[in-house]
C-alpha atoms as a PDB file:
ATOM      1  CA  MET A   1      11.951 -23.848  16.224  1.00  0.00           C
ATOM      2  CA  THR A   2      10.133 -24.136  19.537  1.00  0.00           C
ATOM      3  CA  SER A   3      12.140 -26.414  21.808  1.00  0.00           C
ATOM      4  CA  ARG A   4      10.926 -29.788  23.023  1.00  0.00           C
ATOM      5  CA  ALA A   5      10.848 -28.458  26.591  1.00  0.00           C
ATOM      6  CA  GLU A   6       8.548 -25.626  25.508  1.00  0.00           C
ATOM      7  CA  ARG A   7       6.318 -28.037  23.592  1.00  0.00           C
ATOM      8  CA  GLU A   8       6.057 -30.294  26.638  1.00  0.00           C
ATOM      9  CA  VAL A   9       4.947 -27.340  28.754  1.00  0.00           C
ATOM     10  CA  MET A  10       2.439 -26.257  26.093  1.00  0.00           C
ATOM     11  CA  GLY A  11       0.979 -29.752  25.873  1.00  0.00           C
ATOM     12  CA  LEU A  12       0.567 -30.074  29.621  1.00  0.00           C
ATOM     13  CA  MET A  13      -0.923 -26.581  29.973  1.00  0.00           C
ATOM     14  CA  LEU A  14      -3.326 -27.229  27.101  1.00  0.00           C
ATOM     15  CA  THR A  15      -4.431 -30.541  28.608  1.00  0.00           C
ATOM     16  CA  THR A  16      -4.858 -29.140  32.135  1.00  0.00           C
ATOM     17  CA  ASN A  17      -6.866 -26.122  31.012  1.00  0.00           C
ATOM     18  CA  ALA A  18      -9.031 -28.052  28.547  1.00  0.00           C
ATOM     19  CA  GLU A  19      -9.799 -30.814  31.062  1.00  0.00           C
ATOM     20  CA  LEU A  20     -11.030 -28.268  33.611  1.00  0.00           C
ATOM     21  CA  VAL A  21     -13.326 -26.530  31.122  1.00  0.00           C
ATOM     22  CA  ALA A  22     -14.642 -29.845  29.734  1.00  0.00           C
ATOM     23  CA  SER A  23     -15.379 -31.162  33.234  1.00  0.00           C
ATOM     24  CA  VAL A  24     -17.410 -28.073  34.130  1.00  0.00           C
ATOM     25  CA  LEU A  25     -19.342 -28.198  30.844  1.00  0.00           C
ATOM     26  CA  ARG A  26     -20.195 -31.850  31.492  1.00  0.00           C
ATOM     27  CA  GLY A  27     -21.299 -31.053  35.030  1.00  0.00           C
ATOM     28  CA  GLY A  28     -18.678 -33.312  36.554  1.00  0.00           C
ATOM     29  CA  GLU A  29     -17.224 -33.212  40.049  1.00  0.00           C
ATOM     30  CA  ASP A  30     -15.336 -30.013  39.280  1.00  0.00           C
ATOM     31  CA  SER A  31     -18.612 -28.127  38.780  1.00  0.00           C
ATOM     32  CA  GLU A  32     -18.721 -27.539  42.535  1.00  0.00           C
ATOM     33  CA  ASP A  33     -17.335 -24.574  44.467  1.00  0.00           C
ATOM     34  CA  ASP A  34     -15.714 -21.922  42.233  1.00  0.00           C
ATOM     35  CA  ALA A  35     -15.033 -24.245  39.291  1.00  0.00           C
ATOM     36  CA  VAL A  36     -17.392 -22.395  36.946  1.00  0.00           C
ATOM     37  CA  VAL A  37     -15.578 -19.131  37.658  1.00  0.00           C
ATOM     38  CA  ALA A  38     -12.278 -20.918  37.128  1.00  0.00           C
ATOM     39  CA  ALA A  39     -13.553 -22.315  33.826  1.00  0.00           C
ATOM     40  CA  ILE A  40     -14.461 -18.826  32.596  1.00  0.00           C
ATOM     41  CA  ALA A  41     -10.989 -17.494  33.394  1.00  0.00           C
ATOM     42  CA  THR A  42      -9.426 -20.623  31.926  1.00  0.00           C
ATOM     43  CA  THR A  43     -11.388 -20.402  28.678  1.00  0.00           C
ATOM     44  CA  ARG A  44     -10.134 -16.850  28.229  1.00  0.00           C
ATOM     45  CA  SER A  45      -6.534 -17.954  28.706  1.00  0.00           C
ATOM     46  CA  LEU A  46      -6.984 -20.931  26.378  1.00  0.00           C
ATOM     47  CA  GLY A  47      -6.938 -18.543  23.425  1.00  0.00           C
ATOM     48  CA  ARG A  48      -3.332 -17.616  24.163  1.00  0.00           C
ATOM     49  CA  ILE A  49      -2.336 -21.233  24.781  1.00  0.00           C
ATOM     50  CA  VAL A  50      -3.937 -22.392  21.528  1.00  0.00           C
ATOM     51  CA  GLU A  51      -2.204 -19.597  19.592  1.00  0.00           C
ATOM     52  CA  ASP A  52       1.179 -20.572  21.055  1.00  0.00           C
ATOM     53  CA  THR A  53       0.442 -24.224  20.264  1.00  0.00           C
ATOM     54  CA  LEU A  54      -0.476 -23.393  16.685  1.00  0.00           C
ATOM     55  CA  HIS A  55       2.797 -21.513  16.226  1.00  0.00           C
ATOM     56  CA  ALA A  56       4.736 -24.484  17.622  1.00  0.00           C
ATOM     57  CA  LEU A  57       2.931 -26.950  15.345  1.00  0.00           C
ATOM     58  CA  VAL A  58       3.536 -24.804  12.269  1.00  0.00           C
ATOM     59  CA  GLN A  59       7.235 -24.588  13.136  1.00  0.00           C
ATOM     60  CA  GLN A  60       7.315 -28.355  13.572  1.00  0.00           C
ATOM     61  CA  ALA A  61       5.547 -28.860  10.223  1.00  0.00           C
ATOM     62  CA  ARG A  62       8.075 -26.590   8.495  1.00  0.00           C
ATOM     63  CA  ALA A  63      10.950 -28.515  10.082  1.00  0.00           C
ATOM     64  CA  GLU A  64       9.442 -31.727   8.682  1.00  0.00           C
ATOM     65  CA  GLY A  65       9.441 -30.257   5.166  1.00  0.00           C
ATOM     66  CA  HIS A  66       5.873 -29.033   4.693  1.00  0.00           C
ATOM     67  CA  THR A  67       5.503 -25.940   2.525  1.00  0.00           C
ATOM     68  CA  TRP A  68       3.886 -22.619   3.350  1.00  0.00           C
ATOM     69  CA  ALA A  69       1.334 -23.391   0.640  1.00  0.00           C
ATOM     70  CA  GLU A  70       0.308 -26.612   2.425  1.00  0.00           C
ATOM     71  CA  ILE A  71       0.064 -24.844   5.773  1.00  0.00           C
ATOM     72  CA  GLY A  72      -1.916 -21.986   4.263  1.00  0.00           C
ATOM     73  CA  GLU A  73      -4.372 -24.444   2.717  1.00  0.00           C
ATOM     74  CA  LEU A  74      -4.946 -26.097   6.106  1.00  0.00           C
ATOM     75  CA  LEU A  75      -5.610 -22.703   7.695  1.00  0.00           C
ATOM     76  CA  HIS A  76      -7.727 -21.471   4.760  1.00  0.00           C
ATOM     77  CA  VAL A  77      -5.382 -18.574   4.050  1.00  0.00           C
ATOM     78  CA  SER A  78      -2.865 -17.819   1.321  1.00  0.00           C
ATOM     79  CA  ARG A  79       0.738 -18.971   1.403  1.00  0.00           C
ATOM     80  CA  GLN A  80       1.797 -15.354   1.959  1.00  0.00           C
ATOM     81  CA  ALA A  81      -0.626 -14.908   4.853  1.00  0.00           C
ATOM     82  CA  ALA A  82       0.624 -18.091   6.524  1.00  0.00           C
ATOM     83  CA  PHE A  83       4.234 -16.960   6.183  1.00  0.00           C
ATOM     84  CA  GLN A  84       3.471 -13.466   7.514  1.00  0.00           C
ATOM     85  CA  ARG A  85       1.740 -14.919  10.566  1.00  0.00           C
ATOM     86  CA  PHE A  86       4.112 -17.734  11.423  1.00  0.00           C
ATOM     87  CA  GLY A  87       7.317 -17.213   9.469  1.00  0.00           C
ATOM     88  CA  THR A  88       8.826 -14.485  11.621  1.00  0.00           C
ATOM     89  CA  THR A  89       8.719 -16.303  14.955  1.00  0.00           C
ATOM     90  CA  SER A  90      12.080 -15.961  16.692  1.00  0.00           C
ATOM     91  CA  THR A  91      13.590 -18.628  18.864  1.00  0.00           C
ATOM     92  CA  PRO A  92      14.894 -17.559  22.295  1.00  0.00           C
ATOM     93  CA  ASP A  93      17.306 -20.443  22.768  1.00  0.00           C
ATOM     94  CA  THR A  94      20.141 -19.237  20.592  1.00  0.00           C
ATOM     95  CA  VAL A  95      22.757 -20.615  22.982  1.00  0.00           C
ATOM     96  CA  PRO A  96      23.412 -24.385  22.871  1.00  0.00           C
ATOM     97  CA  ALA A  97      21.945 -26.100  25.927  1.00  0.00           C
ATOM     98  CA  GLU A  98      25.252 -27.732  26.787  1.00  0.00           C
ATOM     99  CA  ASP A  99      26.802 -24.271  27.243  1.00  0.00           C
ATOM    100  CA  ILE A 100      24.235 -23.195  29.829  1.00  0.00           C
ATOM    101  CA  PRO A 101      24.643 -24.291  33.459  1.00  0.00           C
ATOM    102  CA  PRO A 102      21.565 -25.024  35.595  1.00  0.00           C
ATOM    103  CA  LEU A 103      20.014 -21.949  37.183  1.00  0.00           C
ATOM    104  CA  GLU A 104      21.588 -21.387  40.589  1.00  0.00           C
ATOM    105  CA  GLY A 105      19.219 -22.231  43.449  1.00  0.00           C
ATOM    106  CA  ALA A 106      16.649 -23.826  41.110  1.00  0.00           C
ATOM    107  CA  GLU A 107      16.033 -26.868  43.316  1.00  0.00           C
ATOM    108  CA  ASP A 108      15.357 -24.763  46.402  1.00  0.00           C
ATOM    109  CA  ARG A 109      13.041 -22.467  44.426  1.00  0.00           C
ATOM    110  CA  ALA A 110      11.168 -25.444  42.987  1.00  0.00           C
ATOM    111  CA  ARG A 111      10.626 -26.942  46.429  1.00  0.00           C
ATOM    112  CA  ARG A 112       9.434 -23.589  47.756  1.00  0.00           C
ATOM    113  CA  LEU A 113       7.001 -23.070  44.876  1.00  0.00           C
ATOM    114  CA  LEU A 114       5.633 -26.597  45.085  1.00  0.00           C
ATOM    115  CA  THR A 115       5.185 -26.189  48.840  1.00  0.00           C
ATOM    116  CA  ALA A 116       3.310 -22.930  48.307  1.00  0.00           C
ATOM    117  CA  PHE A 117       1.025 -24.657  45.807  1.00  0.00           C
ATOM    118  CA  VAL A 118       0.333 -27.593  48.120  1.00  0.00           C
ATOM    119  CA  GLU A 119      -0.442 -25.116  50.923  1.00  0.00           C
ATOM    120  CA  ARG A 120      -2.770 -23.158  48.580  1.00  0.00           C
ATOM    121  CA  ARG A 121      -0.690 -19.963  48.507  1.00  0.00           C
ATOM    122  CA  PHE A 122      -1.409 -19.501  44.829  1.00  0.00           C
ATOM    123  CA  GLU A 123      -0.506 -15.825  44.457  1.00  0.00           C
ATOM    124  CA  GLU A 124       2.920 -16.607  45.893  1.00  0.00           C
ATOM    125  CA  VAL A 125       3.361 -19.221  43.180  1.00  0.00           C
ATOM    126  CA  ARG A 126       2.151 -16.939  40.385  1.00  0.00           C
ATOM    127  CA  ALA A 127       4.470 -14.122  41.511  1.00  0.00           C
ATOM    128  CA  GLU A 128       7.390 -16.036  39.976  1.00  0.00           C
ATOM    129  CA  PHE A 129       5.591 -16.993  36.757  1.00  0.00           C
ATOM    130  CA  SER A 130       6.581 -15.503  33.426  1.00  0.00           C
ATOM    131  CA  ALA A 131       4.004 -13.199  31.828  1.00  0.00           C
ATOM    132  CA  ARG A 132       2.814 -16.009  29.575  1.00  0.00           C
ATOM    133  CA  MET A 133       2.454 -18.392  32.508  1.00  0.00           C
ATOM    134  CA  ARG A 134       0.516 -15.829  34.574  1.00  0.00           C
ATOM    135  CA  GLU A 135      -1.946 -15.472  31.722  1.00  0.00           C
ATOM    136  CA  ALA A 136      -2.335 -19.228  31.308  1.00  0.00           C
ATOM    137  CA  GLY A 137      -2.322 -20.095  35.030  1.00  0.00           C
ATOM    138  CA  SER A 138      -4.985 -18.033  36.752  1.00  0.00           C
ATOM    139  CA  PRO A 139      -5.489 -18.276  40.543  1.00  0.00           C
ATOM    140  CA  GLN A 140      -8.821 -19.994  39.839  1.00  0.00           C
ATOM    141  CA  LEU A 141      -7.111 -22.611  37.688  1.00  0.00           C
ATOM    142  CA  LEU A 142      -4.468 -23.306  40.337  1.00  0.00           C
ATOM    143  CA  LYS A 143      -7.151 -23.585  43.023  1.00  0.00           C
ATOM    144  CA  SER A 144      -9.212 -25.969  40.933  1.00  0.00           C
ATOM    145  CA  ALA A 145      -6.155 -28.094  40.079  1.00  0.00           C
ATOM    146  CA  ARG A 146      -5.198 -28.319  43.765  1.00  0.00           C
ATOM    147  CA  THR A 147      -8.728 -29.321  44.794  1.00  0.00           C
ATOM    148  CA  LYS A 148      -8.885 -31.969  42.084  1.00  0.00           C
ATOM    149  CA  MET A 149      -5.471 -33.293  43.130  1.00  0.00           C
ATOM    150  CA  GLU A 150      -6.577 -33.659  46.746  1.00  0.00           C
ATOM    151  CA  ARG A 151      -9.780 -35.457  45.773  1.00  0.00           C
ATOM    152  CA  ARG A 152      -7.899 -37.967  43.669  1.00  0.00           C
ATOM    153  CA  TYR A 153      -4.661 -38.504  45.602  1.00  0.00           C
ATOM    154  CA  GLY A 154      -5.547 -37.552  49.170  1.00  0.00           C
ATOM    155  CA  ALA A 155      -3.455 -35.523  51.579  1.00  0.00           C
ATOM    156  CA  PHE A 156       0.103 -34.453  50.808  1.00  0.00           C
ATOM    157  CA  LEU A 157       2.771 -36.471  52.637  1.00  0.00           C
ATOM    158  CA  GLU A 158       6.290 -35.453  51.573  1.00  0.00           C
ATOM    159  CA  PHE A 159       8.670 -34.386  48.816  1.00  0.00           C
ATOM    160  CA  GLY A 160      11.396 -36.602  47.409  1.00  0.00           C
ATOM    161  CA  THR A 161      14.855 -35.742  46.083  1.00  0.00           C
ATOM    162  CA  PRO A 162      14.811 -33.197  43.209  1.00  0.00           C
ATOM    163  CA  ARG A 163      16.385 -34.008  39.837  1.00  0.00           C
ATOM    164  CA  THR A 164      17.672 -31.128  37.704  1.00  0.00           C
ATOM    165  CA  SER A 165      18.443 -30.991  33.995  1.00  0.00           C
ATOM    166  CA  VAL A 166      18.996 -28.324  31.330  1.00  0.00           C
ATOM    167  CA  ARG A 167      16.828 -28.617  28.226  1.00  0.00           C
ATOM    168  CA  HIS A 168      17.093 -26.105  25.411  1.00  0.00           C
ATOM    169  CA  ALA A 169      18.218 -23.325  27.777  1.00  0.00           C
ATOM    170  CA  TYR A 170      15.546 -24.161  30.364  1.00  0.00           C
ATOM    171  CA  THR A 171      16.453 -25.428  33.827  1.00  0.00           C
ATOM    172  CA  VAL A 172      13.974 -28.206  34.596  1.00  0.00           C
ATOM    173  CA  VAL A 173      13.537 -29.447  38.171  1.00  0.00           C
ATOM    174  CA  ASP A 174      11.515 -32.620  38.803  1.00  0.00           C
ATOM    175  CA  VAL A 175      10.483 -33.219  42.406  1.00  0.00           C
ATOM    176  CA  PRO A 176       8.757 -36.480  43.475  1.00  0.00           C
ATOM    177  CA  VAL A 177       5.662 -35.734  45.573  1.00  0.00           C
ATOM    178  CA  ALA A 178       4.034 -38.396  47.753  1.00  0.00           C
ATOM    179  CA  PHE A 179       0.313 -38.306  48.577  1.00  0.00           C
ATOM    180  CA  GLU A 180      -1.868 -40.690  50.558  1.00  0.00           C
ATOM    181  CA  ARG A 181      -3.229 -42.471  47.493  1.00  0.00           C
ATOM    182  CA  GLY A 182      -0.449 -42.098  44.955  1.00  0.00           C
ATOM    183  CA  ASP A 183       2.697 -40.317  43.864  1.00  0.00           C
ATOM    184  CA  LEU A 184       3.223 -37.501  41.371  1.00  0.00           C
ATOM    185  CA  VAL A 185       6.146 -35.483  40.065  1.00  0.00           C
ATOM    186  CA  GLY A 186       6.101 -31.709  40.377  1.00  0.00           C
ATOM    187  CA  ARG A 187       7.969 -30.118  37.463  1.00  0.00           C
ATOM    188  CA  CYS A 188       9.205 -26.518  37.510  1.00  0.00           C
ATOM    189  CA  SER A 189      10.844 -25.148  34.385  1.00  0.00           C
ATOM    190  CA  PHE A 190      12.847 -21.913  34.610  1.00  0.00           C
ATOM    191  CA  ASN A 191      13.812 -19.802  31.603  1.00  0.00           C
ATOM    192  CA  ILE A 192      17.193 -18.104  31.264  1.00  0.00           C
ATOM    193  CA  ASP A 193      15.799 -15.008  33.037  1.00  0.00           C
ATOM    194  CA  GLY A 194      14.933 -17.110  36.098  1.00  0.00           C
ATOM    195  CA  GLU A 195      11.181 -16.911  35.546  1.00  0.00           C
ATOM    196  CA  VAL A 196       8.921 -19.938  35.913  1.00  0.00           C
ATOM    197  CA  ALA A 197       8.015 -20.958  32.361  1.00  0.00           C
ATOM    198  CA  GLY A 198       6.371 -24.246  33.297  1.00  0.00           C
ATOM    199  CA  PHE A 199       4.675 -25.535  36.464  1.00  0.00           C
ATOM    200  CA  VAL A 200       2.841 -28.865  36.421  1.00  0.00           C
ATOM    201  CA  PHE A 201       2.167 -32.010  38.424  1.00  0.00           C
ATOM    202  CA  VAL A 202       2.202 -35.213  36.395  1.00  0.00           C
ATOM    203  CA  GLU A 203       2.359 -38.942  36.978  1.00  0.00           C
ATOM    204  CA  SER A 204       5.921 -40.183  36.753  1.00  0.00           C
ATOM    205  CA  ASP A 205       5.282 -42.397  33.721  1.00  0.00           C
ATOM    206  CA  ALA A 206       4.064 -39.337  31.765  1.00  0.00           C
ATOM    207  CA  LEU A 207       7.523 -37.692  31.835  1.00  0.00           C
END
């Protein structure tokens, strides 16, 4: 089953991407600059995010005891079709989390990536993304997210002390980030191959 850490990343990516597209469609503040271009790229990547989310939800439904027949009925397909589409998903975290040490150098990498994002060096950030993250996090999306962050919270001030944990084989680094008008937490999640599998800024009470 998809791990909780993966589901958290999916939820945050889905929310971030959908909020950008919805804001542009409504003609909100993000309709300025290159936001429309970012929304086009983001809408394309939403297909992959939604597909991953659907797989995770089906796995969760199966874990809660729902049958393939029930799932097939919801998706307007047969039980067999539902099983063929979702029943062969493999889970990468085959090693218990407690047996996996934190990725060496993760805190330094997280600080470096968060600094690059704050300084608008988006391609440098994306260079360490996993393939799935690169597809979901286009340069336009990162640029739009950074612009929106600055409008809401003001100028960047400083980073706080990182906190590292291991969750379902992912090394998760949370770094407090202070801005002029509020504080956030930058979260970098690294998979067992050392790739960035999650990269978000959230308010501390959302973690």
